[in-house]
Amino acid sequence: MRDGAAHLSSSFTRCADRDNRTVEAEKLAAELWHRIQTRDWAAVRELLAEDFVLEWPQELIQIRGPEKFVEFNRSYPEGWSIEVLRIVGDATIAVSEVRVPHPTVGPHYALSFFETTDGRIVRTREYWVEEGFKKPTGERARWFEPM
């Protein structure tokens, strides 16, 4: 997926009708990550439904509304990039795994579940984890090894 991410924008335009209704969730998720990586914030907004919600259940918080989502991402300290590792999905649901390197806060992984309706992303549920080796302790140590 990494190599194809740069070409998504042009193929996205070809496969969608004017308001994206024919676009599958997998393509919407890929296009969202592409637009976030290129910092095309107006284009990011176009992919989100008016009632868009981003949930981070591990922190028990959420962002309501596409404008708040765009402003949150726009204001994040620069230095990050998006490495799309995989995206799978069907017509209305997609799941992505991305790696987000950053020079000061370190690399993180995000597992994102996208729900779409009428060619727009209406809900995203994300789980973020920091990359780093943590030596297994106790009974678990016998099963695990570094990657």
Protein backbone atom coordinates (compact mmCIF):
# COMPACT_ATOMS: atom_id res chain seq x y z
CA MET A 1 0.00 0.00 0.00
CA ARG A 2 2.85 2.42 0.72
CA ASP A 3 3.92 2.62 -2.92
CA GLY A 4 0.39 3.12 -4.17
CA ALA A 5 -0.55 5.82 -1.66
CA ALA A 6 0.94 8.63 -3.74
CA HIS A 7 -1.28 7.73 -6.68
CA LEU A 8 -4.55 7.43 -4.75
CA SER A 9 -5.71 10.97 -5.27
CA SER A 10 -5.91 10.68 -9.06
CA SER A 11 -7.54 7.23 -8.99
CA PHE A 12 -9.93 8.44 -6.29
CA THR A 13 -11.18 11.19 -8.59
CA ARG A 14 -11.72 8.73 -11.44
CA CYS A 15 -13.72 6.19 -9.41
CA ALA A 16 -15.99 8.62 -7.58
CA ASP A 17 -18.99 10.49 -8.74
CA ARG A 18 -19.21 14.17 -7.83
CA ASP A 19 -20.12 13.54 -4.17
CA ASN A 20 -18.16 10.29 -3.59
CA ARG A 21 -21.20 8.01 -3.22
CA THR A 22 -19.63 5.25 -5.32
CA VAL A 23 -16.36 5.14 -3.37
CA GLU A 24 -15.79 2.14 -1.14
CA ALA A 25 -14.69 2.63 2.45
CA GLU A 26 -11.23 1.20 1.75
CA LYS A 27 -10.57 3.86 -0.89
CA LEU A 28 -11.94 6.63 1.35
CA ALA A 29 -9.61 5.56 4.17
CA ALA A 30 -6.62 5.47 1.82
CA GLU A 31 -7.50 8.88 0.44
CA LEU A 32 -7.93 10.32 3.93
CA TRP A 33 -4.42 9.21 4.94
CA HIS A 34 -3.00 10.58 1.68
CA ARG A 35 -4.62 13.98 2.23
CA ILE A 36 -3.49 14.08 5.88
CA GLN A 37 0.08 13.26 4.82
CA THR A 38 0.08 16.07 2.23
CA ARG A 39 -1.52 18.47 4.77
CA ASP A 40 -4.35 19.22 2.35
CA TRP A 41 -6.77 20.17 5.12
CA ALA A 42 -9.59 21.45 2.91
CA ALA A 43 -9.50 18.15 1.01
CA VAL A 44 -9.51 16.19 4.29
CA ARG A 45 -12.66 18.04 5.31
CA GLU A 46 -14.38 17.03 2.04
CA LEU A 47 -14.15 13.34 2.99
CA LEU A 48 -15.89 13.75 6.35
CA ALA A 49 -19.63 13.73 6.99
CA GLU A 50 -21.22 16.68 8.78
CA ASP A 51 -21.87 14.46 11.82
CA PHE A 52 -18.37 12.93 11.80
CA VAL A 53 -17.07 11.54 15.12
CA LEU A 54 -13.55 10.36 15.99
CA GLU A 55 -13.37 8.09 19.05
CA TRP A 56 -10.29 7.17 21.11
CA PRO A 57 -11.79 4.59 23.49
CA GLN A 58 -8.51 3.89 25.30
CA GLU A 59 -8.53 7.52 26.54
CA LEU A 60 -12.33 7.80 26.80
CA ILE A 61 -12.42 10.91 24.55
CA GLN A 62 -13.86 11.86 21.19
CA ILE A 63 -13.88 14.66 18.64
CA ARG A 64 -17.26 15.69 17.20
CA GLY A 65 -17.43 17.43 13.86
CA PRO A 66 -15.20 17.57 10.81
CA GLU A 67 -13.87 21.07 11.56
CA LYS A 68 -12.58 20.03 14.99
CA PHE A 69 -10.93 16.93 13.48
CA VAL A 70 -9.18 19.01 10.82
CA GLU A 71 -8.03 21.66 13.31
CA PHE A 72 -6.72 19.00 15.71
CA ASN A 73 -4.60 17.44 12.96
CA ARG A 74 -3.53 20.78 11.51
CA SER A 75 -2.29 21.98 14.91
CA TYR A 76 -0.30 18.84 15.79
CA PRO A 77 3.44 19.65 16.08
CA GLU A 78 5.18 19.22 12.71
CA GLY A 79 7.72 16.55 11.98
CA TRP A 80 5.32 13.62 11.60
CA SER A 81 4.60 11.54 8.53
CA ILE A 82 2.13 8.81 7.67
CA GLU A 83 3.26 5.35 6.60
CA VAL A 84 0.25 3.31 5.50
CA LEU A 85 1.01 -0.32 6.32
CA ARG A 86 -2.32 -1.82 5.27
CA ILE A 87 -5.94 -1.01 4.59
CA VAL A 88 -8.71 -3.57 4.24
CA GLY A 89 -12.40 -3.02 3.82
CA ASP A 90 -15.57 -3.31 1.85
CA ALA A 91 -18.33 -0.95 0.76
CA THR A 92 -18.97 0.73 4.15
CA ILE A 93 -16.28 -0.40 6.64
CA ALA A 94 -12.49 -0.13 6.45
CA VAL A 95 -9.62 -0.80 8.83
CA SER A 96 -6.18 0.75 8.48
CA GLU A 97 -2.85 0.24 10.19
CA VAL A 98 -0.47 3.18 9.93
CA ARG A 99 2.90 4.04 11.45
CA VAL A 100 3.46 7.67 12.38
CA PRO A 101 7.13 8.54 12.97
CA HIS A 102 7.86 11.79 14.81
CA PRO A 103 11.31 13.06 15.85
CA THR A 104 10.34 14.23 19.34
CA VAL A 105 7.41 12.09 20.48
CA GLY A 106 8.63 8.92 18.81
CA PRO A 107 6.93 6.58 16.39
CA HIS A 108 3.37 5.46 17.03
CA TYR A 109 1.03 3.00 15.37
CA ALA A 110 -2.65 3.70 14.78
CA LEU A 111 -5.29 1.09 14.14
CA SER A 112 -8.33 2.89 12.71
CA PHE A 113 -11.83 1.59 12.03
CA PHE A 114 -13.75 3.70 9.51
CA GLU A 115 -17.51 3.67 8.97
CA THR A 116 -18.84 5.34 5.84
CA THR A 117 -22.22 6.40 4.53
CA ASP A 118 -22.98 8.01 1.17
CA GLY A 119 -19.29 8.23 0.29
CA ARG A 120 -18.27 10.10 3.45
CA ILE A 121 -16.53 8.97 6.62
CA VAL A 122 -19.02 9.25 9.47
CA ARG A 123 -17.19 7.57 12.32
CA THR A 124 -13.61 6.60 13.07
CA ARG A 125 -12.53 4.61 16.10
CA GLU A 126 -8.76 4.67 16.65
CA TYR A 127 -6.29 2.96 18.93
CA TRP A 128 -2.85 4.56 19.19
CA VAL A 129 0.19 2.81 20.67
CA GLU A 130 3.79 3.88 21.02
CA GLU A 131 6.42 1.83 19.22
CA GLY A 132 9.05 0.39 21.51
CA PHE A 133 10.37 -2.86 22.89
CA LYS A 134 9.06 -3.78 26.31
CA LYS A 135 10.68 -6.87 27.70
CA PRO A 136 8.03 -9.40 28.72
CA THR A 137 8.11 -10.21 32.37
CA GLY A 138 7.25 -13.20 34.48
CA GLU A 139 5.49 -16.15 32.91
CA ARG A 140 5.05 -14.35 29.55
CA ALA A 141 8.80 -14.04 28.95
CA ARG A 142 9.09 -17.66 27.79
CA TRP A 143 6.78 -17.07 24.79
CA PHE A 144 7.86 -13.71 23.43
CA GLU A 145 10.93 -12.37 21.62
CA PRO A 146 11.81 -8.98 20.08
CA MET A 147 10.54 -8.26 16.57
